[in-house]
Protein backbone atom coordinates (compact mmCIF):
# COMPACT_ATOMS: atom_id res chain seq x y z
CA UNK A 1 49.08 59.69 29.90
CA UNK A 2 52.47 60.65 28.03
CA UNK A 3 51.79 62.37 24.86
CA UNK A 4 52.96 60.17 22.62
CA UNK A 5 50.34 57.49 23.93
CA UNK A 6 47.67 59.85 23.44
CA UNK A 7 49.20 60.23 19.89
CA UNK A 8 49.03 56.75 19.37
CA UNK A 9 45.35 56.11 20.47
CA UNK A 10 44.14 59.05 18.14
CA UNK A 11 45.35 57.37 15.61
CA UNK A 12 44.32 53.94 15.79
CA UNK A 13 41.89 52.90 13.53
CA UNK A 14 38.32 52.42 14.65
CA UNK A 15 37.13 48.78 15.32
CA UNK A 16 33.95 48.46 12.62
CA UNK A 17 31.32 47.41 13.61
CA UNK A 18 28.55 46.00 11.96
CA UNK A 19 25.26 47.74 12.58
CA UNK A 20 22.58 45.60 13.18
CA UNK A 21 20.11 45.13 10.06
CA UNK A 22 16.16 44.86 10.61
CA UNK A 23 14.53 41.51 10.81
CA UNK A 24 12.77 41.57 6.88
CA UNK A 25 11.53 37.84 7.32
CA UNK A 26 10.77 36.44 10.79
CA UNK A 27 12.04 33.22 11.94
CA UNK A 28 10.09 29.66 10.24
CA UNK A 29 8.28 28.21 12.84
CA UNK A 30 8.07 24.75 12.29
CA UNK A 31 4.55 23.36 12.83
CA UNK A 32 4.56 20.24 15.30
CA UNK A 33 1.94 17.64 15.86
CA UNK A 34 -0.66 16.18 13.52
CA UNK A 35 -0.90 19.36 11.36
CA UNK A 36 2.52 19.49 10.58
CA UNK A 37 3.05 15.79 9.73
CA UNK A 38 -0.18 16.44 7.36
CA UNK A 39 1.88 19.63 5.94
CA UNK A 40 4.99 17.33 5.51
CA UNK A 41 3.62 14.15 4.08
CA UNK A 42 0.52 15.47 2.29
CA UNK A 43 0.09 12.14 -0.14
CA UNK A 44 0.11 10.06 3.12
CA UNK A 45 -2.53 12.30 4.32
CA UNK A 46 -5.06 11.94 1.06
CA UNK A 47 -4.40 7.89 0.74
CA UNK A 48 -4.96 7.48 4.42
CA UNK A 49 -7.95 9.94 3.86
CA UNK A 50 -9.39 7.86 0.67
CA UNK A 51 -8.56 4.65 2.63
CA UNK A 52 -10.70 5.66 5.76
CA UNK A 53 -13.45 6.64 3.54
CA UNK A 54 -13.44 3.06 2.03
CA UNK A 55 -13.51 1.37 4.76
CA UNK A 56 -16.01 3.37 6.48
CA UNK A 57 -18.27 2.58 3.55
CA UNK A 58 -17.37 -1.11 3.93
CA UNK A 59 -18.09 -1.36 7.29
CA UNK A 60 -21.30 0.54 7.56
CA UNK A 61 -22.76 -0.49 4.17
CA UNK A 62 -26.01 -1.91 5.85
CA UNK A 63 -26.77 2.16 7.05
CA UNK A 64 -25.78 3.26 3.86
CA UNK A 65 -29.56 3.23 1.82
CA UNK A 66 -28.61 0.25 0.57
CA UNK A 67 -31.05 -3.18 -0.12
CA UNK A 68 -29.49 -6.83 -0.26
CA UNK A 69 -27.01 -6.79 -3.15
CA UNK A 70 -28.41 -10.22 -4.17
CA UNK A 71 -32.19 -9.81 -4.42
CA UNK A 72 -33.29 -10.06 -7.64
CA UNK A 73 -36.27 -7.71 -9.52
CA UNK A 74 -36.57 -9.03 -13.21
CA UNK A 75 -39.58 -5.91 -13.17
CA UNK A 76 -36.76 -3.21 -12.67
CA UNK A 77 -34.07 -4.55 -14.89
CA UNK A 78 -31.65 -1.83 -16.44
CA UNK A 79 -32.81 0.74 -15.02
CA UNK A 80 -30.71 3.96 -15.29
CA UNK A 81 -29.37 5.89 -12.27
CA UNK A 82 -32.34 7.47 -10.67
CA UNK A 83 -33.57 9.05 -7.41
CA UNK A 84 -34.80 5.52 -6.02
CA UNK A 85 -31.43 3.46 -7.66
CA UNK A 86 -28.65 5.75 -7.47
CA UNK A 87 -26.53 3.97 -9.95
CA UNK A 88 -29.16 2.38 -12.29
CA UNK A 89 -30.17 -1.81 -11.98
CA UNK A 90 -28.44 -4.46 -13.99
CA UNK A 91 -30.00 -7.23 -16.47
CA UNK A 92 -31.43 -9.12 -13.09
CA UNK A 93 -32.98 -5.73 -11.51
CA UNK A 94 -30.32 -5.69 -8.88
CA UNK A 95 -29.47 -2.36 -7.19
CA UNK A 96 -26.21 -1.30 -8.51
CA UNK A 97 -25.35 0.85 -5.78
CA UNK A 98 -25.64 -1.44 -3.10
CA UNK A 99 -23.88 -3.91 -5.00
CA UNK A 100 -20.69 -1.90 -5.49
CA UNK A 101 -20.92 -1.02 -1.56
CA UNK A 102 -20.91 -4.67 -0.66
CA UNK A 103 -18.04 -5.26 -3.09
CA UNK A 104 -15.77 -2.57 -1.59
CA UNK A 105 -15.64 -5.17 1.62
CA UNK A 106 -14.21 -8.03 -1.23
CA UNK A 107 -11.53 -5.97 -2.43
CA UNK A 108 -10.56 -4.32 0.90
CA UNK A 109 -10.64 -8.07 2.68
CA UNK A 110 -8.82 -9.04 -0.24
CA UNK A 111 -5.99 -6.19 -0.70
CA UNK A 112 -5.81 -6.38 3.58
CA UNK A 113 -5.33 -10.12 3.77
CA UNK A 114 -2.71 -11.01 0.67
CA UNK A 115 -0.60 -7.89 1.90
CA UNK A 116 -0.63 -9.98 5.38
CA UNK A 117 0.33 -13.48 3.97
CA UNK A 118 2.71 -12.37 1.56
CA UNK A 119 4.94 -10.43 3.88
CA UNK A 120 4.65 -12.91 6.73
CA UNK A 121 5.76 -15.44 4.06
CA UNK A 122 8.21 -13.28 2.08
CA UNK A 123 9.59 -11.84 5.11
CA UNK A 124 10.59 -15.53 6.64
CA UNK A 125 12.02 -16.83 3.48
CA UNK A 126 13.88 -13.65 3.08
CA UNK A 127 15.19 -13.89 6.17
CA UNK A 128 16.42 -17.68 6.01
CA UNK A 129 17.96 -16.85 2.69
CA UNK A 130 19.64 -13.78 3.35
CA UNK A 131 21.27 -15.33 6.98
CA UNK A 132 21.75 -18.73 6.12
CA UNK A 133 24.21 -19.54 3.28
CA UNK A 134 23.29 -22.57 2.34
CA UNK A 135 19.84 -22.14 2.44
CA UNK A 136 20.31 -18.85 -0.24
CA UNK A 137 20.68 -20.99 -3.01
CA UNK A 138 18.00 -23.33 -2.71
CA UNK A 139 15.23 -20.61 -1.42
CA UNK A 140 16.03 -18.00 -3.85
CA UNK A 141 15.92 -20.98 -6.99
CA UNK A 142 11.91 -21.54 -6.30
CA UNK A 143 12.11 -18.14 -5.63
CA UNK A 144 13.14 -17.24 -8.81
CA UNK A 145 11.18 -19.75 -10.81
CA UNK A 146 7.98 -18.49 -9.09
CA UNK A 147 8.51 -15.11 -10.27
CA UNK A 148 9.15 -16.41 -13.93
CA UNK A 149 5.68 -16.86 -14.39
CA UNK A 150 3.59 -13.76 -14.82
CA UNK A 151 1.66 -13.38 -11.34
CA UNK A 152 -1.68 -13.06 -13.30
CA UNK A 153 -1.26 -16.50 -15.03
CA UNK A 154 0.00 -18.07 -12.13
CA UNK A 155 -3.44 -16.82 -10.13
CA UNK A 156 -5.32 -17.87 -12.60
CA UNK A 157 -3.56 -21.38 -12.83
CA UNK A 158 -4.07 -21.70 -9.06
CA UNK A 159 -7.62 -20.89 -9.36
CA UNK A 160 -8.00 -23.60 -12.11
CA UNK A 161 -7.02 -25.93 -9.67
CA UNK A 162 -9.65 -25.08 -7.04
CA UNK A 163 -13.01 -23.89 -6.86
CA UNK A 164 -13.89 -20.03 -6.75
CA UNK A 165 -13.99 -18.21 -3.37
CA UNK A 166 -12.83 -15.39 -1.73
CA UNK A 167 -10.23 -17.53 0.77
CA UNK A 168 -9.12 -19.55 -2.36
CA UNK A 169 -8.25 -16.15 -4.38
CA UNK A 170 -6.52 -14.83 -1.15
CA UNK A 171 -4.29 -17.85 -1.47
CA UNK A 172 -3.53 -17.86 -5.02
CA UNK A 173 -2.53 -14.15 -5.75
CA UNK A 174 -0.06 -14.01 -2.00
CA UNK A 175 1.48 -17.08 -3.64
CA UNK A 176 2.53 -15.31 -6.81
CA UNK A 177 3.06 -12.17 -4.45
CA UNK A 178 5.77 -13.65 -1.61
CA UNK A 179 8.90 -13.98 -4.27
CA UNK A 180 8.78 -10.30 -4.44
CA UNK A 181 8.92 -9.61 -0.34
CA UNK A 182 11.40 -12.47 0.02
CA UNK A 183 13.76 -11.04 -2.06
CA UNK A 184 13.18 -7.43 -0.55
CA UNK A 185 13.91 -8.79 2.56
CA UNK A 186 17.20 -10.57 1.45
CA UNK A 187 18.66 -7.92 0.35
CA UNK A 188 18.27 -5.87 3.31
CA UNK A 189 19.34 -8.94 4.99
CA UNK A 190 22.98 -9.22 2.68
CA UNK A 191 23.69 -5.73 3.43
CA UNK A 192 22.91 -5.93 7.23
CA UNK A 193 24.61 -8.93 7.97
CA UNK A 194 28.24 -7.07 7.07
CA UNK A 195 27.44 -4.14 9.25
CA UNK A 196 29.85 -3.74 12.74
CA UNK A 197 26.76 -4.40 15.26
CA UNK A 198 25.92 -7.51 13.49
CA UNK A 199 29.45 -8.67 13.58
CA UNK A 200 29.61 -8.10 17.19
CA UNK A 201 26.80 -9.70 18.09
CA UNK A 202 27.82 -12.98 16.32
CA UNK A 203 31.59 -12.41 17.76
CA UNK A 204 29.78 -12.09 20.95
CA UNK A 205 28.17 -15.60 20.50
CA UNK A 206 25.06 -14.27 20.08
CA UNK A 207 22.54 -17.16 19.04
CA UNK A 208 21.22 -16.66 15.54
CA UNK A 209 17.20 -15.91 16.25
CA UNK A 210 18.22 -13.31 18.74
CA UNK A 211 20.95 -11.71 16.07
CA UNK A 212 17.40 -11.90 13.34
CA UNK A 213 14.92 -10.69 16.08
CA UNK A 214 16.92 -7.65 17.39
CA UNK A 215 18.90 -6.45 14.42
CA UNK A 216 18.08 -7.54 11.23
CA UNK A 217 14.29 -7.35 11.74
CA UNK A 218 13.34 -4.25 13.01
CA UNK A 219 15.74 -2.84 10.13
CA UNK A 220 13.66 -4.52 7.66
CA UNK A 221 10.10 -3.25 8.66
CA UNK A 222 10.28 0.43 6.91
CA UNK A 223 10.74 -0.95 3.26
CA UNK A 224 8.32 -3.78 4.00
CA UNK A 225 5.66 -1.89 5.03
CA UNK A 226 5.81 0.60 1.79
CA UNK A 227 6.01 -2.67 0.08
CA UNK A 228 2.96 -4.00 1.80
CA UNK A 229 1.01 -0.86 0.58
CA UNK A 230 1.89 -2.03 -2.96
CA UNK A 231 1.07 -5.31 -2.80
CA UNK A 232 -2.40 -4.48 -1.45
CA UNK A 233 -3.26 -2.07 -4.22
CA UNK A 234 -1.92 -4.77 -6.53
CA UNK A 235 -3.68 -7.95 -4.90
CA UNK A 236 -7.23 -5.54 -5.99
CA UNK A 237 -6.50 -5.08 -9.28
CA UNK A 238 -5.63 -8.87 -9.80
CA UNK A 239 -8.77 -9.93 -7.66
CA UNK A 240 -10.83 -7.33 -10.43
CA UNK A 241 -9.18 -9.16 -13.34
CA UNK A 242 -9.91 -13.03 -12.10
CA UNK A 243 -13.49 -12.10 -11.42
CA UNK A 244 -14.01 -10.31 -14.41
CA UNK A 245 -12.69 -13.36 -16.38
CA UNK A 246 -14.71 -15.56 -14.10
CA UNK A 247 -11.97 -17.02 -12.65
CA UNK A 248 -12.26 -15.27 -9.03
CA UNK A 249 -15.03 -14.71 -6.87
CA UNK A 250 -18.42 -16.82 -7.49
CA UNK A 251 -20.80 -14.15 -9.48
CA UNK A 252 -23.35 -14.67 -6.10
CA UNK A 253 -20.48 -12.64 -3.89
CA UNK A 254 -20.87 -8.88 -5.35
CA UNK A 255 -17.05 -7.71 -5.95
CA UNK A 256 -16.18 -4.83 -8.44
CA UNK A 257 -14.59 -7.23 -10.82
CA UNK A 258 -17.86 -9.57 -10.77
CA UNK A 259 -20.17 -6.38 -11.65
CA UNK A 260 -17.87 -5.15 -14.21
CA UNK A 261 -18.15 -8.66 -16.00
CA UNK A 262 -21.39 -8.44 -15.80
CA UNK A 263 -22.33 -5.28 -17.11
CA UNK A 264 -19.24 -5.50 -20.09
CA UNK A 265 -22.19 -6.41 -22.39
CA UNK A 266 -24.45 -3.79 -21.76
CA UNK A 267 -22.10 -1.30 -22.51
CA UNK A 268 -23.64 0.57 -25.07
CA UNK A 269 -27.02 0.33 -23.37
CA UNK A 270 -26.51 1.22 -19.42
CA UNK A 271 -22.89 2.03 -18.73
CA UNK A 272 -22.99 2.94 -15.30
CA UNK A 273 -22.81 -0.70 -14.32
CA UNK A 274 -18.78 -0.60 -15.85
CA UNK A 275 -18.88 3.19 -14.64
CA UNK A 276 -19.06 3.27 -11.06
CA UNK A 277 -17.07 0.09 -9.51
CA UNK A 278 -14.63 0.93 -11.99
CA UNK A 279 -14.55 4.49 -10.19
CA UNK A 280 -14.60 2.89 -6.86
CA UNK A 281 -11.74 0.57 -7.94
CA UNK A 282 -9.39 3.21 -9.17
CA UNK A 283 -10.12 5.55 -6.33
CA UNK A 284 -9.14 2.88 -3.89
CA UNK A 285 -5.96 1.35 -5.81
CA UNK A 286 -4.79 5.41 -6.15
CA UNK A 287 -5.59 5.70 -2.15
CA UNK A 288 -3.46 3.16 -1.43
CA UNK A 289 -0.64 4.03 -3.89
CA UNK A 290 -0.45 7.42 -2.68
CA UNK A 291 -0.45 5.92 1.13
CA UNK A 292 2.79 3.99 -0.08
CA UNK A 293 4.79 6.67 -1.73
CA UNK A 294 4.12 9.02 1.16
CA UNK A 295 5.45 5.76 3.50
CA UNK A 296 8.46 5.52 1.22
CA UNK A 297 8.92 9.31 1.93
CA UNK A 298 8.78 9.11 5.53
CA UNK A 299 10.90 6.21 6.37
CA UNK A 300 13.55 6.83 3.62
CA UNK A 301 16.54 8.61 5.74
CA UNK A 302 18.19 9.92 2.74
CA UNK A 303 15.25 11.32 1.38
CA UNK A 304 14.73 13.20 4.94
CA UNK A 305 17.88 14.37 5.04
CA UNK A 306 17.03 15.89 1.74
CA UNK A 307 13.88 17.61 2.91
């Protein structure tokens, strides 16, 4: 090595190496499994837990210390809540606790059935209207005509033409909810049919039914699932309103609306007749709405990317 090269090495600046900093915060570990899902979507967990509790109450109603909800006992009429009668008795001596517990069956059946029927019919109408152009004008004008009538008034009018029963209540509320589902599915289909994968399927000569089944229907399930929860909550409230005004299920069938209707004239004497079914109805509707909000956040890809 020459003297000039040694001098160049001596004056060459040293490369600065950043010192390793101590790790102050440990790396965040993603929680996986059921616990991670609960922590990420607490509204789904809370809503699902409340719905599960209500469903178990409805299924195991005969084993929860209840008696016959239609048994009359005039000698025990208008008893306040006590150890023997947890929610008191009504004007005919019937156990309010038993009637409220059995009333959960009616509300859950109506909510689930209306959601299933309305989503099935609305999805079929929305698919046909969104993918077949000449049907769009006809079907949507019919749906607009149905939507122009408030859902509760339409349900009352339909119930006035039939006799009171759970089946007729389900049919009346479902007819009022179908247009909302149809317009939702139609909007999704209109945005999907212009996508390249649908145009490629059409260019390849794929039949319309297969295009709908393979490409359109799977992409409508996420928004339809969220809408189904809101329809279920709305159906429970509508059923309670119909029963409250005497246009829903017959009085012999215990439902939360019937119980509140019977107790409204005795509010100042025994408010528990109205209070307890109202609490159960509010908790059930709240649970379904929480589940719907959680599913919307979980199934929306834009929200997932933001999170």
